[in-house]
Amino acid sequence: MIEEFANPKLKMLVPVVKGLAKVLGKDYEVNLHDLSKPENSLVLCENGHVTGRKPGGPMTDFGLYMMQDEDYKKKEGNFNYLARNNRGELIKCSAIFIRDDEDPEKVIGFLCINYDLQKAMAAQELLGQLLHFTEEPVKEYHSAEAPSLTAKGERLPIPVKEWFAQDLEEVVTDSLSQIKIRIGKPLSYLSKKEKQDVIRELHDKGFFLLKGAVDILAAEMENTKYTIYSYIRDVQKEEKEMPEKSRKKRINS
């Protein structure tokens, strides 16, 4: 249903209003107001269930204010402001000011789009629950590698460095690869002290909890597994003797 136009210049916007309503969907109310008759300015209303209005309805109180206010008369419109319909539901509103082509300073109509926010707010609440992360800092092993960072502007915590391996061999290989890349040479080329430092790092990471880890490391370092076990015992002894504060500092350094 289309209310009679007092200003025939607005008739050309009828297909625009109807088209926008079809493109945007049923949660968007699209209205056309003829400002020459504010008492029943609503000449076309698509998806009127959003506010409960229909053609022939009057200009809203805020619409009347925009018609009267000198500052608003100079603008192209009023976009993305929050309001409530008469049921108390939140809607996002925009009003595009239609000007007379012969007198550009004169606003002759409002093309208004009112979006029902109920579904969007429910989706926002669901996403908020899905994207909830612990606010407590997560303790992890810090090596000399570059820290993992979130993308610029991303409102997420820094991700924990965790390798989701498909099998045991992949876990072991990745742990050793990280160290070899950082050191820049094969583990067999390391001095005794350097090997002990590597074993200390692997011990702190829990590497030796893996079955077969000692044999693999021994092959990489070209030492016997008994030598590796000796190094591990030295690290464990050192850890027992080390004060708690110093141990934490070593792991996080």
Protein backbone atom coordinates (compact mmCIF):
# COMPACT_ATOMS: atom_id res chain seq x y z
CA MET A 1 0.00 0.00 0.00
CA ILE A 2 1.26 3.48 -0.97
CA GLU A 3 -0.14 6.65 0.55
CA GLU A 4 -0.87 9.51 -1.85
CA PHE A 5 2.14 11.74 -2.54
CA ALA A 6 1.74 15.46 -1.88
CA ASN A 7 5.09 15.96 -3.58
CA PRO A 8 5.21 13.96 -6.84
CA LYS A 9 9.01 14.29 -7.01
CA LEU A 10 9.27 11.56 -4.39
CA LYS A 11 7.47 8.96 -6.54
CA MET A 12 10.70 8.07 -8.32
CA LEU A 13 11.98 6.65 -5.01
CA VAL A 14 9.24 4.02 -4.74
CA PRO A 15 11.26 1.28 -6.55
CA VAL A 16 14.32 2.24 -4.46
CA VAL A 17 12.39 1.72 -1.20
CA LYS A 18 10.87 -1.57 -2.37
CA GLY A 19 14.19 -2.79 -3.75
CA LEU A 20 16.11 -1.99 -0.57
CA ALA A 21 13.55 -3.87 1.51
CA LYS A 22 13.96 -6.96 -0.67
CA VAL A 23 17.76 -6.78 -0.68
CA LEU A 24 18.19 -6.10 3.04
CA GLY A 25 15.54 -8.54 4.25
CA LYS A 26 12.65 -8.63 6.68
CA ASP A 27 14.59 -7.25 9.64
CA TYR A 28 14.99 -3.92 7.86
CA GLU A 29 12.09 -1.50 7.73
CA VAL A 30 12.41 0.95 4.83
CA ASN A 31 10.24 4.06 4.90
CA LEU A 32 9.66 7.06 2.68
CA HIS A 33 8.38 10.27 4.27
CA ASP A 34 6.88 13.22 2.40
CA LEU A 35 7.78 16.25 4.52
CA SER A 36 5.14 18.46 2.95
CA LYS A 37 2.51 16.68 5.08
CA PRO A 38 4.08 15.75 8.45
CA GLU A 39 0.73 14.74 9.96
CA ASN A 40 0.68 11.68 7.64
CA SER A 41 4.11 11.85 6.08
CA LEU A 42 4.70 8.09 5.84
CA VAL A 43 3.79 7.47 2.21
CA LEU A 44 5.53 4.10 1.84
CA CYS A 45 6.49 1.55 4.51
CA GLU A 46 8.12 -1.79 3.74
CA ASN A 47 8.53 -4.39 6.52
CA GLY A 48 6.52 -2.22 8.88
CA HIS A 49 6.48 -4.97 11.54
CA VAL A 50 9.82 -3.63 12.81
CA THR A 51 8.16 -0.55 14.31
CA GLY A 52 4.51 -1.51 13.80
CA ARG A 53 3.88 1.38 11.43
CA LYS A 54 2.08 1.56 8.11
CA PRO A 55 1.52 4.09 5.29
CA GLY A 56 -0.46 7.14 6.35
CA GLY A 57 1.27 7.36 9.71
CA PRO A 58 2.66 10.66 11.01
CA MET A 59 6.24 11.85 11.25
CA THR A 60 7.95 10.75 14.47
CA ASP A 61 8.72 13.30 17.16
CA PHE A 62 12.43 13.03 16.43
CA GLY A 63 11.71 13.36 12.72
CA LEU A 64 9.85 16.60 13.42
CA TYR A 65 12.85 17.85 15.36
CA MET A 66 15.17 17.07 12.43
CA MET A 67 12.79 18.91 10.10
CA GLN A 68 12.88 21.98 12.35
CA ASP A 69 16.54 22.06 13.46
CA GLU A 70 18.84 24.28 11.40
CA ASP A 71 21.90 22.09 11.94
CA TYR A 72 20.13 19.01 10.61
CA LYS A 73 18.93 20.91 7.55
CA LYS A 74 22.56 21.30 6.47
CA LYS A 75 23.37 17.58 6.72
CA GLU A 76 22.99 14.71 4.27
CA GLY A 77 21.15 12.72 6.90
CA ASN A 78 21.40 11.13 10.33
CA PHE A 79 23.03 7.71 10.22
CA ASN A 80 23.26 4.67 12.49
CA TYR A 81 21.70 6.09 15.62
CA LEU A 82 20.15 3.87 18.28
CA ALA A 83 16.46 4.05 19.16
CA ARG A 84 13.68 1.86 20.53
CA ASN A 85 10.42 0.91 18.87
CA ASN A 86 7.16 1.15 20.78
CA ARG A 87 7.65 -2.41 22.07
CA GLY A 88 10.90 -1.29 23.72
CA GLU A 89 13.12 -3.23 21.31
CA LEU A 90 16.38 -1.68 20.16
CA ILE A 91 16.63 -0.65 16.52
CA LYS A 92 19.41 0.99 14.51
CA CYS A 93 18.08 3.87 12.48
CA SER A 94 19.24 6.00 9.57
CA ALA A 95 17.47 8.86 7.82
CA ILE A 96 18.67 10.03 4.41
CA PHE A 97 17.55 13.55 3.58
CA ILE A 98 16.04 13.90 0.11
CA ARG A 99 16.50 17.39 -1.36
CA ASP A 100 14.59 19.23 -4.04
CA ASP A 101 16.60 19.15 -7.28
CA GLU A 102 15.46 22.71 -8.06
CA ASP A 103 16.15 24.02 -4.54
CA PRO A 104 18.98 21.94 -2.99
CA GLU A 105 18.70 23.66 0.38
CA LYS A 106 15.15 22.36 0.80
CA VAL A 107 14.65 18.89 2.26
CA ILE A 108 11.49 17.36 0.81
CA GLY A 109 11.66 13.82 2.11
CA PHE A 110 13.27 11.28 4.43
CA LEU A 111 14.30 7.84 3.26
CA CYS A 112 14.55 5.93 6.54
CA ILE A 113 15.99 2.50 7.29
CA ASN A 114 15.29 0.93 10.68
CA TYR A 115 17.10 -2.31 11.55
CA ASP A 116 15.73 -4.69 14.18
CA LEU A 117 18.75 -5.49 16.37
CA GLN A 118 17.31 -8.46 18.26
CA LYS A 119 18.96 -11.18 16.16
CA ALA A 120 22.26 -9.28 15.90
CA MET A 121 22.39 -8.77 19.67
CA ALA A 122 21.68 -12.46 20.27
CA ALA A 123 24.49 -13.31 17.84
CA GLN A 124 26.80 -10.85 19.61
CA GLU A 125 26.07 -12.48 22.96
CA LEU A 126 26.74 -15.94 21.51
CA LEU A 127 30.01 -14.78 19.93
CA GLY A 128 31.03 -13.18 23.22
CA GLN A 129 30.58 -16.53 24.93
CA LEU A 130 32.41 -18.42 22.18
CA LEU A 131 35.31 -15.93 22.18
CA HIS A 132 35.70 -15.85 25.96
CA PHE A 133 39.28 -16.52 27.02
CA THR A 134 40.90 -16.84 30.40
CA GLU A 135 42.02 -13.51 31.83
CA GLU A 136 44.74 -15.18 33.89
CA PRO A 137 48.22 -15.28 32.28
CA VAL A 138 49.03 -18.77 31.04
CA LYS A 139 52.40 -20.06 32.24
CA GLU A 140 54.45 -21.57 29.43
CA TYR A 141 58.10 -22.21 28.58
CA HIS A 142 59.76 -19.10 27.16
CA SER A 143 62.73 -19.66 24.90
CA ALA A 144 64.82 -17.12 23.05
CA GLU A 145 62.55 -17.40 20.00
CA ALA A 146 60.51 -14.42 18.86
CA PRO A 147 57.24 -14.22 20.83
CA SER A 148 53.95 -15.05 19.22
CA LEU A 149 51.86 -11.94 18.61
CA THR A 150 48.28 -11.36 17.64
CA ALA A 151 47.44 -9.38 14.53
CA LYS A 152 47.45 -5.61 14.96
CA GLY A 153 44.19 -4.43 16.46
CA GLU A 154 43.10 -7.94 17.40
CA ARG A 155 41.46 -7.96 20.81
CA LEU A 156 42.65 -11.42 21.80
CA PRO A 157 45.27 -12.68 24.23
CA ILE A 158 48.68 -13.68 22.88
CA PRO A 159 48.36 -17.32 21.84
CA VAL A 160 50.22 -20.03 23.70
CA LYS A 161 52.85 -21.70 21.52
CA GLU A 162 51.49 -25.23 21.21
CA TRP A 163 52.27 -27.70 18.43
CA PHE A 164 49.36 -30.04 17.70
CA ALA A 165 51.37 -32.99 16.44
CA GLN A 166 49.79 -35.96 14.69
CA ASP A 167 52.16 -38.55 16.19
CA LEU A 168 54.99 -38.98 18.70
CA GLU A 169 57.74 -38.65 16.11
CA GLU A 170 56.39 -35.26 15.09
CA VAL A 171 56.47 -33.98 18.70
CA VAL A 172 60.09 -35.05 19.12
CA THR A 173 61.18 -33.77 15.73
CA ASP A 174 59.55 -30.39 16.24
CA SER A 175 61.09 -29.92 19.68
CA LEU A 176 64.57 -30.65 18.36
CA SER A 177 64.05 -28.64 15.17
CA GLN A 178 63.19 -25.50 17.16
CA ILE A 179 66.46 -25.78 19.09
CA LYS A 180 68.59 -26.53 16.00
CA ILE A 181 67.10 -23.54 14.15
CA ARG A 182 67.78 -21.25 17.10
CA ILE A 183 71.35 -22.55 17.62
CA GLY A 184 72.13 -22.64 13.92
CA LYS A 185 74.14 -25.86 13.85
CA PRO A 186 73.71 -29.63 14.38
CA LEU A 187 73.50 -30.77 18.00
CA SER A 188 76.51 -33.05 17.49
CA TYR A 189 78.69 -29.96 16.99
CA LEU A 190 77.93 -28.53 20.42
CA SER A 191 80.37 -28.39 23.28
CA LYS A 192 79.65 -30.30 26.48
CA LYS A 193 78.34 -27.16 28.18
CA GLU A 194 76.13 -26.31 25.18
CA LYS A 195 74.74 -29.85 25.19
CA GLN A 196 74.00 -29.54 28.88
CA ASP A 197 72.17 -26.25 28.24
CA VAL A 198 70.07 -27.91 25.52
CA ILE A 199 69.23 -30.82 27.82
CA ARG A 200 68.27 -28.36 30.56
CA GLU A 201 65.91 -26.60 28.13
CA LEU A 202 64.40 -29.88 26.91
CA HIS A 203 63.99 -31.06 30.49
CA ASP A 204 62.12 -27.87 31.43
CA LYS A 205 59.87 -28.37 28.38
CA GLY A 206 58.98 -31.91 29.45
CA PHE A 207 60.71 -33.46 26.45
CA PHE A 208 62.05 -36.43 28.40
CA LEU A 209 58.56 -37.49 29.45
CA LEU A 210 58.25 -38.93 25.95
CA LYS A 211 59.18 -42.57 25.51
CA GLY A 212 62.27 -42.92 23.32
CA ALA A 213 63.24 -39.26 23.60
CA VAL A 214 66.62 -40.04 25.18
CA ASP A 215 67.60 -42.43 22.37
CA ILE A 216 66.66 -39.91 19.69
CA LEU A 217 68.56 -37.09 21.39
CA ALA A 218 71.58 -39.32 21.91
CA ALA A 219 71.66 -40.03 18.17
CA GLU A 220 71.34 -36.32 17.37
CA MET A 221 74.16 -35.40 19.76
CA GLU A 222 76.26 -38.44 18.81
CA ASN A 223 76.54 -39.46 22.45
CA THR A 224 75.50 -42.64 24.23
CA LYS A 225 72.16 -42.66 25.96
CA TYR A 226 74.04 -43.15 29.23
CA THR A 227 75.77 -39.80 28.72
CA ILE A 228 72.38 -38.16 28.11
CA TYR A 229 70.99 -39.78 31.28
CA SER A 230 74.00 -38.44 33.17
CA TYR A 231 73.28 -34.92 31.90
CA ILE A 232 69.62 -35.27 32.87
CA ARG A 233 70.54 -36.35 36.40
CA ASP A 234 72.78 -33.30 36.70
CA VAL A 235 69.88 -31.03 35.65
CA GLN A 236 67.49 -32.70 38.10
CA LYS A 237 70.02 -32.40 40.92
CA GLU A 238 70.60 -28.75 40.05
CA GLU A 239 66.84 -28.14 40.04
CA LYS A 240 66.38 -29.62 43.52
CA GLU A 241 69.15 -27.46 44.90
CA MET A 242 68.02 -24.30 43.15
CA PRO A 243 65.75 -21.88 45.09
CA GLU A 244 62.19 -21.59 43.74
CA LYS A 245 62.68 -17.95 42.69
CA SER A 246 65.81 -18.73 40.68
CA ARG A 247 64.13 -21.71 39.01
CA LYS A 248 61.24 -19.57 37.80
CA LYS A 249 63.67 -16.95 36.52
CA ARG A 250 65.62 -19.60 34.56
CA ILE A 251 62.50 -21.01 32.91
CA ASN A 252 61.15 -17.58 31.94
CA SER A 253 64.47 -16.13 30.75
